[in-house]
Amino acid sequence: MTHCDIINYDISHAGLIGNGLVIAVLGGGGMLVSSGSITVGQLSSFMLYVVFTGTSVNGLSTFYAELMKGSASLIGAIQTCPPIRCWFIYSVCLVTAYCLFVM
């Protein structure tokens, strides 16, 4: 098995594990509803909060991964270019970062 096969295997099973966890939480919540500990509204609002939180964490992790890819390619470009051109790329990056995070 290569590294790419392992990553594809993990990604393909992530959805299955996530759906299994949702079903497990709904099953446990259904037992709590039937015993009268919580209401159906509380269970459904909890599930909505879980979905919203999971989606947000997924978005943040995807953003971080894309940011790391971009910075790695930028570092590779800086390492392979001539010194004069590197200063130009470096200054453009500083101006872009300033505009994105300060303004």
PDB file of N, CA and C in Angstrom:
ATOM      1  N   MET A   1       0.834  -1.174   0.000  1.00  0.00           N
ATOM      2  CA  MET A   1       0.000   0.000   0.000  1.00  0.00           C
ATOM      3  C   MET A   1       0.886   1.246   0.000  1.00  0.00           C
ATOM      4  N   THR A   2       0.604   2.170  -0.874  1.00  0.00           N
ATOM      5  CA  THR A   2       1.381   3.406  -0.909  1.00  0.00           C
ATOM      6  C   THR A   2       0.750   4.426   0.038  1.00  0.00           C
ATOM      7  N   HIS A   3       1.455   5.538   0.209  1.00  0.00           N
ATOM      8  CA  HIS A   3       0.969   6.612   1.077  1.00  0.00           C
ATOM      9  C   HIS A   3      -0.358   7.161   0.552  1.00  0.00           C
ATOM     10  N   CYS A   4      -0.476   7.324  -0.764  1.00  0.00           N
ATOM     11  CA  CYS A   4      -1.712   7.865  -1.349  1.00  0.00           C
ATOM     12  C   CYS A   4      -2.879   6.912  -1.141  1.00  0.00           C
ATOM     13  N   ASP A   5      -2.622   5.606  -1.208  1.00  0.00           N
ATOM     14  CA  ASP A   5      -3.687   4.639  -0.971  1.00  0.00           C
ATOM     15  C   ASP A   5      -4.191   4.727   0.463  1.00  0.00           C
ATOM     16  N   ILE A   6      -3.281   4.929   1.402  1.00  0.00           N
ATOM     17  CA  ILE A   6      -3.674   5.030   2.802  1.00  0.00           C
ATOM     18  C   ILE A   6      -4.510   6.282   3.028  1.00  0.00           C
ATOM     19  N   ILE A   7      -4.103   7.409   2.432  1.00  0.00           N
ATOM     20  CA  ILE A   7      -4.866   8.644   2.586  1.00  0.00           C
ATOM     21  C   ILE A   7      -6.255   8.486   1.967  1.00  0.00           C
ATOM     22  N   ASN A   8      -6.341   7.903   0.777  1.00  0.00           N
ATOM     23  CA  ASN A   8      -7.642   7.693   0.151  1.00  0.00           C
ATOM     24  C   ASN A   8      -8.505   6.767   0.987  1.00  0.00           C
ATOM     25  N   TYR A   9      -7.910   5.751   1.579  1.00  0.00           N
ATOM     26  CA  TYR A   9      -8.652   4.828   2.435  1.00  0.00           C
ATOM     27  C   TYR A   9      -9.224   5.566   3.640  1.00  0.00           C
ATOM     28  N   ASP A  10      -8.394   6.415   4.271  1.00  0.00           N
ATOM     29  CA  ASP A  10      -8.862   7.161   5.436  1.00  0.00           C
ATOM     30  C   ASP A  10      -9.963   8.143   5.068  1.00  0.00           C
ATOM     31  N   ILE A  11      -9.808   8.835   3.956  1.00  0.00           N
ATOM     32  CA  ILE A  11     -10.811   9.814   3.540  1.00  0.00           C
ATOM     33  C   ILE A  11     -12.119   9.124   3.175  1.00  0.00           C
ATOM     34  N   SER A  12     -12.027   7.969   2.522  1.00  0.00           N
ATOM     35  CA  SER A  12     -13.254   7.296   2.119  1.00  0.00           C
ATOM     36  C   SER A  12     -14.029   6.770   3.320  1.00  0.00           C
ATOM     37  N   HIS A  13     -13.354   6.460   4.398  1.00  0.00           N
ATOM     38  CA  HIS A  13     -14.043   5.949   5.576  1.00  0.00           C
ATOM     39  C   HIS A  13     -14.430   7.042   6.560  1.00  0.00           C
ATOM     40  N   ALA A  14     -13.974   8.258   6.345  1.00  0.00           N
ATOM     41  CA  ALA A  14     -14.317   9.353   7.254  1.00  0.00           C
ATOM     42  C   ALA A  14     -15.808   9.645   7.209  1.00  0.00           C
ATOM     43  N   GLY A  15     -16.404   9.626   6.030  1.00  0.00           N
ATOM     44  CA  GLY A  15     -17.846   9.861   5.911  1.00  0.00           C
ATOM     45  C   GLY A  15     -18.648   8.766   6.573  1.00  0.00           C
ATOM     46  N   LEU A  16     -18.203   7.533   6.429  1.00  0.00           N
ATOM     47  CA  LEU A  16     -18.888   6.398   7.052  1.00  0.00           C
ATOM     48  C   LEU A  16     -18.832   6.504   8.571  1.00  0.00           C
ATOM     49  N   ILE A  17     -17.675   6.859   9.096  1.00  0.00           N
ATOM     50  CA  ILE A  17     -17.533   6.998  10.547  1.00  0.00           C
ATOM     51  C   ILE A  17     -18.382   8.166  11.052  1.00  0.00           C
ATOM     52  N   GLY A  18     -18.386   9.272  10.320  1.00  0.00           N
ATOM     53  CA  GLY A  18     -19.195  10.423  10.717  1.00  0.00           C
ATOM     54  C   GLY A  18     -20.677  10.111  10.730  1.00  0.00           C
ATOM     55  N   ASN A  19     -21.150   9.421   9.699  1.00  0.00           N
ATOM     56  CA  ASN A  19     -22.566   9.047   9.665  1.00  0.00           C
ATOM     57  C   ASN A  19     -22.901   8.056  10.772  1.00  0.00           C
ATOM     58  N   GLY A  20     -21.982   7.138  11.064  1.00  0.00           N
ATOM     59  CA  GLY A  20     -22.204   6.201  12.159  1.00  0.00           C
ATOM     60  C   GLY A  20     -22.301   6.899  13.501  1.00  0.00           C
ATOM     61  N   LEU A  21     -21.471   7.935  13.698  1.00  0.00           N
ATOM     62  CA  LEU A  21     -21.534   8.692  14.953  1.00  0.00           C
ATOM     63  C   LEU A  21     -22.853   9.452  15.080  1.00  0.00           C
ATOM     64  N   VAL A  22     -23.336  10.014  13.981  1.00  0.00           N
ATOM     65  CA  VAL A  22     -24.624  10.718  14.018  1.00  0.00           C
ATOM     66  C   VAL A  22     -25.740   9.751  14.383  1.00  0.00           C
ATOM     67  N   ILE A  23     -25.730   8.573  13.790  1.00  0.00           N
ATOM     68  CA  ILE A  23     -26.758   7.575  14.102  1.00  0.00           C
ATOM     69  C   ILE A  23     -26.653   7.129  15.559  1.00  0.00           C
ATOM     70  N   ALA A  24     -25.424   6.973  16.059  1.00  0.00           N
ATOM     71  CA  ALA A  24     -25.246   6.571  17.454  1.00  0.00           C
ATOM     72  C   ALA A  24     -25.773   7.646  18.409  1.00  0.00           C
ATOM     73  N   VAL A  25     -25.485   8.915  18.116  1.00  0.00           N
ATOM     74  CA  VAL A  25     -25.971  10.003  18.968  1.00  0.00           C
ATOM     75  C   VAL A  25     -27.490  10.085  18.898  1.00  0.00           C
ATOM     76  N   LEU A  26     -28.049   9.906  17.709  1.00  0.00           N
ATOM     77  CA  LEU A  26     -29.512   9.911  17.597  1.00  0.00           C
ATOM     78  C   LEU A  26     -30.136   8.739  18.349  1.00  0.00           C
ATOM     79  N   GLY A  27     -29.481   7.572  18.304  1.00  0.00           N
ATOM     80  CA  GLY A  27     -30.000   6.423  19.050  1.00  0.00           C
ATOM     81  C   GLY A  27     -29.962   6.658  20.553  1.00  0.00           C
ATOM     82  N   GLY A  28     -28.825   7.172  21.042  1.00  0.00           N
ATOM     83  CA  GLY A  28     -28.730   7.485  22.471  1.00  0.00           C
ATOM     84  C   GLY A  28     -29.702   8.586  22.870  1.00  0.00           C
ATOM     85  N   GLY A  29     -29.826   9.590  22.023  1.00  0.00           N
ATOM     86  CA  GLY A  29     -30.775  10.666  22.301  1.00  0.00           C
ATOM     87  C   GLY A  29     -32.211  10.179  22.260  1.00  0.00           C
ATOM     88  N   GLY A  30     -32.485   9.234  21.355  1.00  0.00           N
ATOM     89  CA  GLY A  30     -33.834   8.653  21.305  1.00  0.00           C
ATOM     90  C   GLY A  30     -34.186   7.925  22.587  1.00  0.00           C
ATOM     91  N   MET A  31     -33.208   7.245  23.174  1.00  0.00           N
ATOM     92  CA  MET A  31     -33.455   6.574  24.458  1.00  0.00           C
ATOM     93  C   MET A  31     -33.695   7.593  25.566  1.00  0.00           C
ATOM     94  N   LEU A  32     -32.952   8.716  25.533  1.00  0.00           N
ATOM     95  CA  LEU A  32     -33.175   9.764  26.529  1.00  0.00           C
ATOM     96  C   LEU A  32     -34.546  10.411  26.354  1.00  0.00           C
ATOM     97  N   VAL A  33     -34.969  10.589  25.104  1.00  0.00           N
ATOM     98  CA  VAL A  33     -36.298  11.151  24.845  1.00  0.00           C
ATOM     99  C   VAL A  33     -37.377  10.199  25.341  1.00  0.00           C
ATOM    100  N   SER A  34     -37.211   8.912  25.070  1.00  0.00           N
ATOM    101  CA  SER A  34     -38.231   7.945  25.496  1.00  0.00           C
ATOM    102  C   SER A  34     -38.303   7.819  27.017  1.00  0.00           C
ATOM    103  N   SER A  35     -37.183   8.058  27.706  1.00  0.00           N
ATOM    104  CA  SER A  35     -37.215   8.008  29.176  1.00  0.00           C
ATOM    105  C   SER A  35     -37.697   9.319  29.784  1.00  0.00           C
ATOM    106  N   GLY A  36     -37.784  10.371  28.970  1.00  0.00           N
ATOM    107  CA  GLY A  36     -38.298  11.652  29.453  1.00  0.00           C
ATOM    108  C   GLY A  36     -37.223  12.579  29.993  1.00  0.00           C
ATOM    109  N   SER A  37     -35.953  12.224  29.821  1.00  0.00           N
ATOM    110  CA  SER A  37     -34.875  13.086  30.327  1.00  0.00           C
ATOM    111  C   SER A  37     -34.737  14.365  29.514  1.00  0.00           C
ATOM    112  N   ILE A  38     -34.904  14.273  28.211  1.00  0.00           N
ATOM    113  CA  ILE A  38     -34.837  15.444  27.327  1.00  0.00           C
ATOM    114  C   ILE A  38     -36.044  15.403  26.395  1.00  0.00           C
ATOM    115  N   THR A  39     -36.263  16.526  25.732  1.00  0.00           N
ATOM    116  CA  THR A  39     -37.365  16.586  24.763  1.00  0.00           C
ATOM    117  C   THR A  39     -36.816  16.391  23.356  1.00  0.00           C
ATOM    118  N   VAL A  40     -37.716  16.204  22.413  1.00  0.00           N
ATOM    119  CA  VAL A  40     -37.314  16.049  21.014  1.00  0.00           C
ATOM    120  C   VAL A  40     -36.672  17.334  20.511  1.00  0.00           C
ATOM    121  N   GLY A  41     -37.177  18.470  20.969  1.00  0.00           N
ATOM    122  CA  GLY A  41     -36.600  19.755  20.579  1.00  0.00           C
ATOM    123  C   GLY A  41     -35.169  19.918  21.059  1.00  0.00           C
ATOM    124  N   GLN A  42     -34.888  19.474  22.264  1.00  0.00           N
ATOM    125  CA  GLN A  42     -33.521  19.552  22.783  1.00  0.00           C
ATOM    126  C   GLN A  42     -32.582  18.646  21.993  1.00  0.00           C
ATOM    127  N   LEU A  43     -33.066  17.455  21.653  1.00  0.00           N
ATOM    128  CA  LEU A  43     -32.236  16.537  20.859  1.00  0.00           C
ATOM    129  C   LEU A  43     -31.966  17.100  19.470  1.00  0.00           C
ATOM    130  N   SER A  44     -32.992  17.641  18.832  1.00  0.00           N
ATOM    131  CA  SER A  44     -32.788  18.178  17.478  1.00  0.00           C
ATOM    132  C   SER A  44     -31.906  19.422  17.503  1.00  0.00           C
ATOM    133  N   SER A  45     -32.053  20.279  18.512  1.00  0.00           N
ATOM    134  CA  SER A  45     -31.176  21.455  18.583  1.00  0.00           C
ATOM    135  C   SER A  45     -29.735  21.037  18.863  1.00  0.00           C
ATOM    136  N   PHE A  46     -29.529  20.011  19.685  1.00  0.00           N
ATOM    137  CA  PHE A  46     -28.183  19.514  19.920  1.00  0.00           C
ATOM    138  C   PHE A  46     -27.566  18.987  18.631  1.00  0.00           C
ATOM    139  N   MET A  47     -28.348  18.249  17.858  1.00  0.00           N
ATOM    140  CA  MET A  47     -27.832  17.718  16.593  1.00  0.00           C
ATOM    141  C   MET A  47     -27.493  18.838  15.614  1.00  0.00           C
ATOM    142  N   LEU A  48     -28.309  19.883  15.586  1.00  0.00           N
ATOM    143  CA  LEU A  48     -27.997  21.022  14.712  1.00  0.00           C
ATOM    144  C   LEU A  48     -26.700  21.696  15.148  1.00  0.00           C
ATOM    145  N   TYR A  49     -26.507  21.871  16.456  1.00  0.00           N
ATOM    146  CA  TYR A  49     -25.263  22.464  16.946  1.00  0.00           C
ATOM    147  C   TYR A  49     -24.058  21.607  16.584  1.00  0.00           C
ATOM    148  N   VAL A  50     -24.216  20.294  16.692  1.00  0.00           N
ATOM    149  CA  VAL A  50     -23.124  19.392  16.344  1.00  0.00           C
ATOM    150  C   VAL A  50     -22.775  19.510  14.868  1.00  0.00           C
ATOM    151  N   VAL A  51     -23.785  19.551  14.006  1.00  0.00           N
ATOM    152  CA  VAL A  51     -23.542  19.655  12.556  1.00  0.00           C
ATOM    153  C   VAL A  51     -22.886  20.990  12.227  1.00  0.00           C
ATOM    154  N   PHE A  52     -23.385  22.089  12.811  1.00  0.00           N
ATOM    155  CA  PHE A  52     -22.791  23.400  12.534  1.00  0.00           C
ATOM    156  C   PHE A  52     -21.343  23.465  13.016  1.00  0.00           C
ATOM    157  N   THR A  53     -21.076  22.903  14.191  1.00  0.00           N
ATOM    158  CA  THR A  53     -19.713  22.915  14.719  1.00  0.00           C
ATOM    159  C   THR A  53     -18.789  22.056  13.861  1.00  0.00           C
ATOM    160  N   GLY A  54     -19.257  20.883  13.463  1.00  0.00           N
ATOM    161  CA  GLY A  54     -18.448  20.008  12.612  1.00  0.00           C
ATOM    162  C   GLY A  54     -18.137  20.631  11.263  1.00  0.00           C
ATOM    163  N   THR A  55     -19.123  21.306  10.686  1.00  0.00           N
ATOM    164  CA  THR A  55     -18.908  21.970   9.406  1.00  0.00           C
ATOM    165  C   THR A  55     -17.880  23.095   9.543  1.00  0.00           C
ATOM    166  N   SER A  56     -17.961  23.843  10.638  1.00  0.00           N
ATOM    167  CA  SER A  56     -17.005  24.933  10.857  1.00  0.00           C
ATOM    168  C   SER A  56     -15.589  24.407  11.054  1.00  0.00           C
ATOM    169  N   VAL A  57     -15.445  23.350  11.827  1.00  0.00           N
ATOM    170  CA  VAL A  57     -14.118  22.772  12.049  1.00  0.00           C
ATOM    171  C   VAL A  57     -13.557  22.221  10.742  1.00  0.00           C
ATOM    172  N   ASN A  58     -14.424  21.601   9.946  1.00  0.00           N
ATOM    173  CA  ASN A  58     -13.993  21.096   8.642  1.00  0.00           C
ATOM    174  C   ASN A  58     -13.516  22.241   7.746  1.00  0.00           C
ATOM    175  N   GLY A  59     -14.247  23.339   7.735  1.00  0.00           N
ATOM    176  CA  GLY A  59     -13.846  24.488   6.925  1.00  0.00           C
ATOM    177  C   GLY A  59     -12.516  25.079   7.382  1.00  0.00           C
ATOM    178  N   LEU A  60     -12.325  25.183   8.697  1.00  0.00           N
ATOM    179  CA  LEU A  60     -11.062  25.715   9.212  1.00  0.00           C
ATOM    180  C   LEU A  60      -9.890  24.801   8.881  1.00  0.00           C
ATOM    181  N   SER A  61     -10.089  23.497   9.009  1.00  0.00           N
ATOM    182  CA  SER A  61      -8.985  22.588   8.703  1.00  0.00           C
ATOM    183  C   SER A  61      -8.662  22.590   7.213  1.00  0.00           C
ATOM    184  N   THR A  62      -9.678  22.717   6.365  1.00  0.00           N
ATOM    185  CA  THR A  62      -9.438  22.808   4.926  1.00  0.00           C
ATOM    186  C   THR A  62      -8.690  24.093   4.588  1.00  0.00           C
ATOM    187  N   PHE A  63      -9.082  25.200   5.210  1.00  0.00           N
ATOM    188  CA  PHE A  63      -8.394  26.471   4.983  1.00  0.00           C
ATOM    189  C   PHE A  63      -6.933  26.377   5.400  1.00  0.00           C
ATOM    190  N   TYR A  64      -6.670  25.772   6.565  1.00  0.00           N
ATOM    191  CA  TYR A  64      -5.297  25.636   7.048  1.00  0.00           C
ATOM    192  C   TYR A  64      -4.466  24.772   6.101  1.00  0.00           C
ATOM    193  N   ALA A  65      -5.057  23.687   5.603  1.00  0.00           N
ATOM    194  CA  ALA A  65      -4.327  22.815   4.678  1.00  0.00           C
ATOM    195  C   ALA A  65      -4.000  23.548   3.386  1.00  0.00           C
ATOM    196  N   GLU A  66      -4.948  24.308   2.854  1.00  0.00           N
ATOM    197  CA  GLU A  66      -4.698  25.073   1.630  1.00  0.00           C
ATOM    198  C   GLU A  66      -3.665  26.166   1.866  1.00  0.00           C
ATOM    199  N   LEU A  67      -3.692  26.769   3.049  1.00  0.00           N
ATOM    200  CA  LEU A  67      -2.705  27.795   3.384  1.00  0.00           C
ATOM    201  C   LEU A  67      -1.307  27.199   3.427  1.00  0.00           C
ATOM    202  N   MET A  68      -1.180  26.014   3.994  1.00  0.00           N
ATOM    203  CA  MET A  68       0.122  25.356   4.059  1.00  0.00           C
ATOM    204  C   MET A  68       0.613  24.963   2.656  1.00  0.00           C
ATOM    205  N   LYS A  69      -0.302  24.536   1.784  1.00  0.00           N
ATOM    206  CA  LYS A  69       0.091  24.210   0.407  1.00  0.00           C
ATOM    207  C   LYS A  69       0.622  25.447  -0.300  1.00  0.00           C
ATOM    208  N   GLY A  70      -0.092  26.561  -0.125  1.00  0.00           N
ATOM    209  CA  GLY A  70       0.324  27.803  -0.772  1.00  0.00           C
ATOM    210  C   GLY A  70       1.656  28.306  -0.247  1.00  0.00           C
ATOM    211  N   SER A  71       1.853  28.220   1.053  1.00  0.00           N
ATOM    212  CA  SER A  71       3.117  28.688   1.603  1.00  0.00           C
ATOM    213  C   SER A  71       4.271  27.781   1.186  1.00  0.00           C
ATOM    214  N   ALA A  72       4.014  26.487   1.059  1.00  0.00           N
ATOM    215  CA  ALA A  72       5.067  25.574   0.610  1.00  0.00           C
ATOM    216  C   ALA A  72       5.465  25.870  -0.833  1.00  0.00           C
ATOM    217  N   SER A  73       4.482  26.144  -1.686  1.00  0.00           N
ATOM    218  CA  SER A  73       4.820  26.465  -3.076  1.00  0.00           C
ATOM    219  C   SER A  73       5.522  27.820  -3.163  1.00  0.00           C
ATOM    220  N   LEU A  74       5.153  28.750  -2.292  1.00  0.00           N
ATOM    221  CA  LEU A  74       5.822  30.053  -2.285  1.00  0.00           C
ATOM    222  C   LEU A  74       7.263  29.919  -1.830  1.00  0.00           C
ATOM    223  N   ILE A  75       7.494  29.121  -0.817  1.00  0.00           N
ATOM    224  CA  ILE A  75       8.866  28.897  -0.349  1.00  0.00           C
ATOM    225  C   ILE A  75       9.690  28.216  -1.436  1.00  0.00           C
ATOM    226  N   GLY A  76       9.080  27.259  -2.138  1.00  0.00           N
ATOM    227  CA  GLY A  76       9.782  26.610  -3.248  1.00  0.00           C
ATOM    228  C   GLY A  76      10.125  27.587  -4.354  1.00  0.00           C
ATOM    229  N   ALA A  77       9.224  28.519  -4.634  1.00  0.00           N
ATOM    230  CA  ALA A  77       9.496  29.516  -5.668  1.00  0.00           C
ATOM    231  C   ALA A  77      10.601  30.462  -5.245  1.00  0.00           C
ATOM    232  N   ILE A  78      10.616  30.831  -3.985  1.00  0.00           N
ATOM    233  CA  ILE A  78      11.657  31.734  -3.500  1.00  0.00           C
ATOM    234  C   ILE A  78      13.023  31.045  -3.513  1.00  0.00           C
ATOM    235  N   GLN A  79      13.068  29.763  -3.195  1.00  0.00           N
ATOM    236  CA  GLN A  79      14.341  29.056  -3.154  1.00  0.00           C
ATOM    237  C   GLN A  79      14.934  28.817  -4.538  1.00  0.00           C
ATOM    238  N   THR A  80      14.092  28.751  -5.573  1.00  0.00           N
ATOM    239  CA  THR A  80      14.602  28.438  -6.910  1.00  0.00           C
ATOM    240  C   THR A  80      14.821  29.658  -7.791  1.00  0.00           C
ATOM    241  N   CYS A  81      14.426  30.849  -7.350  1.00  0.00           N
ATOM    242  CA  CYS A  81      14.551  32.012  -8.229  1.00  0.00           C
ATOM    243  C   CYS A  81      15.866  32.754  -7.967  1.00  0.00           C
ATOM    244  N   PRO A  82      16.305  33.579  -8.927  1.00  0.00           N
ATOM    245  CA  PRO A  82      17.513  34.391  -8.721  1.00  0.00           C
ATOM    246  C   PRO A  82      17.306  35.394  -7.593  1.00  0.00           C
ATOM    247  N   PRO A  83      18.387  35.885  -6.986  1.00  0.00           N
ATOM    248  CA  PRO A  83      18.263  36.764  -5.816  1.00  0.00           C
ATOM    249  C   PRO A  83      17.468  38.043  -6.064  1.00  0.00           C
ATOM    250  N   ILE A  84      17.636  38.687  -7.211  1.00  0.00           N
ATOM    251  CA  ILE A  84      16.913  39.940  -7.470  1.00  0.00           C
ATOM    252  C   ILE A  84      15.423  39.678  -7.567  1.00  0.00           C
ATOM    253  N   ARG A  85      15.066  38.609  -8.244  1.00  0.00           N
ATOM    254  CA  ARG A  85      13.656  38.279  -8.384  1.00  0.00           C
ATOM    255  C   ARG A  85      13.066  37.859  -7.040  1.00  0.00           C
ATOM    256  N   CYS A  86      13.856  37.230  -6.182  1.00  0.00           N
ATOM    257  CA  CYS A  86      13.379  36.832  -4.865  1.00  0.00           C
ATOM    258  C   CYS A  86      12.979  38.047  -4.032  1.00  0.00           C
ATOM    259  N   TRP A  87      13.745  39.115  -4.101  1.00  0.00           N
ATOM    260  CA  TRP A  87      13.381  40.310  -3.346  1.00  0.00           C
ATOM    261  C   TRP A  87      12.066  40.880  -3.834  1.00  0.00           C
ATOM    262  N   PHE A  88      11.819  40.781  -5.139  1.00  0.00           N
ATOM    263  CA  PHE A  88      10.554  41.280  -5.674  1.00  0.00           C
ATOM    264  C   PHE A  88       9.388  40.427  -5.162  1.00  0.00           C
ATOM    265  N   ILE A  89       9.547  39.112  -5.216  1.00  0.00           N
ATOM    266  CA  ILE A  89       8.484  38.221  -4.734  1.00  0.00           C
ATOM    267  C   ILE A  89       8.254  38.439  -3.245  1.00  0.00           C
ATOM    268  N   TYR A  90       9.326  38.588  -2.492  1.00  0.00           N
ATOM    269  CA  TYR A  90       9.219  38.810  -1.056  1.00  0.00           C
ATOM    270  C   TYR A  90       8.474  40.103  -0.749  1.00  0.00           C
ATOM    271  N   SER A  91       8.783  41.167  -1.483  1.00  0.00           N
ATOM    272  CA  SER A  91       8.105  42.439  -1.235  1.00  0.00           C
ATOM    273  C   SER A  91       6.638  42.373  -1.635  1.00  0.00           C
ATOM    274  N   VAL A  92       6.326  41.667  -2.721  1.00  0.00           N
ATOM    275  CA  VAL A  92       4.919  41.512  -3.114  1.00  0.00           C
ATOM    276  C   VAL A  92       4.162  40.729  -2.050  1.00  0.00           C
ATOM    277  N   CYS A  93       4.785  39.697  -1.494  1.00  0.00           N
ATOM    278  CA  CYS A  93       4.144  38.904  -0.444  1.00  0.00           C
ATOM    279  C   CYS A  93       3.894  39.746   0.800  1.00  0.00           C
ATOM    280  N   LEU A  94       4.847  40.589   1.166  1.00  0.00           N
ATOM    281  CA  LEU A  94       4.659  41.432   2.343  1.00  0.00           C
ATOM    282  C   LEU A  94       3.522  42.420   2.139  1.00  0.00           C
ATOM    283  N   VAL A  95       3.452  43.026   0.969  1.00  0.00           N
ATOM    284  CA  VAL A  95       2.386  43.983   0.679  1.00  0.00           C
ATOM    285  C   VAL A  95       1.043  43.274   0.676  1.00  0.00           C
ATOM    286  N   THR A  96       0.984  42.083   0.077  1.00  0.00           N
ATOM    287  CA  THR A  96      -0.267  41.334   0.040  1.00  0.00           C
ATOM    288  C   THR A  96      -0.706  40.941   1.444  1.00  0.00           C
ATOM    289  N   ALA A  97       0.207  40.459   2.262  1.00  0.00           N
ATOM    290  CA  ALA A  97      -0.132  40.081   3.635  1.00  0.00           C
ATOM    291  C   ALA A  97      -0.594  41.295   4.428  1.00  0.00           C
ATOM    292  N   TYR A  98       0.054  42.434   4.220  1.00  0.00           N
ATOM    293  CA  TYR A  98      -0.349  43.648   4.915  1.00  0.00           C
ATOM    294  C   TYR A  98      -1.760  44.039   4.517  1.00  0.00           C
ATOM    295  N   CYS A  99      -2.055  43.980   3.230  1.00  0.00           N
ATOM    296  CA  CYS A  99      -3.381  44.364   2.747  1.00  0.00           C
ATOM    297  C   CYS A  99      -4.460  43.406   3.250  1.00  0.00           C
ATOM    298  N   LEU A 100      -4.144  42.108   3.324  1.00  0.00           N
ATOM    299  CA  LEU A 100      -5.136  41.131   3.749  1.00  0.00           C
ATOM    300  C   LEU A 100      -5.422  41.192   5.241  1.00  0.00           C
ATOM    301  N   PHE A 101      -4.387  41.350   6.057  1.00  0.00           N
ATOM    302  CA  PHE A 101      -4.585  41.216   7.494  1.00  0.00           C
ATOM    303  C   PHE A 101      -4.704  42.524   8.252  1.00  0.00           C
ATOM    304  N   VAL A 102      -4.246  43.633   7.678  1.00  0.00           N
ATOM    305  CA  VAL A 102      -4.295  44.893   8.392  1.00  0.00           C
ATOM    306  C   VAL A 102      -5.435  45.766   7.899  1.00  0.00           C
ATOM    307  N   MET A 103      -5.657  45.784   6.606  1.00  0.00           N
ATOM    308  CA  MET A 103      -6.684  46.687   6.071  1.00  0.00           C
ATOM    309  C   MET A 103      -8.055  46.107   6.183  1.00  0.00           C
TER     310      MET A 103
END
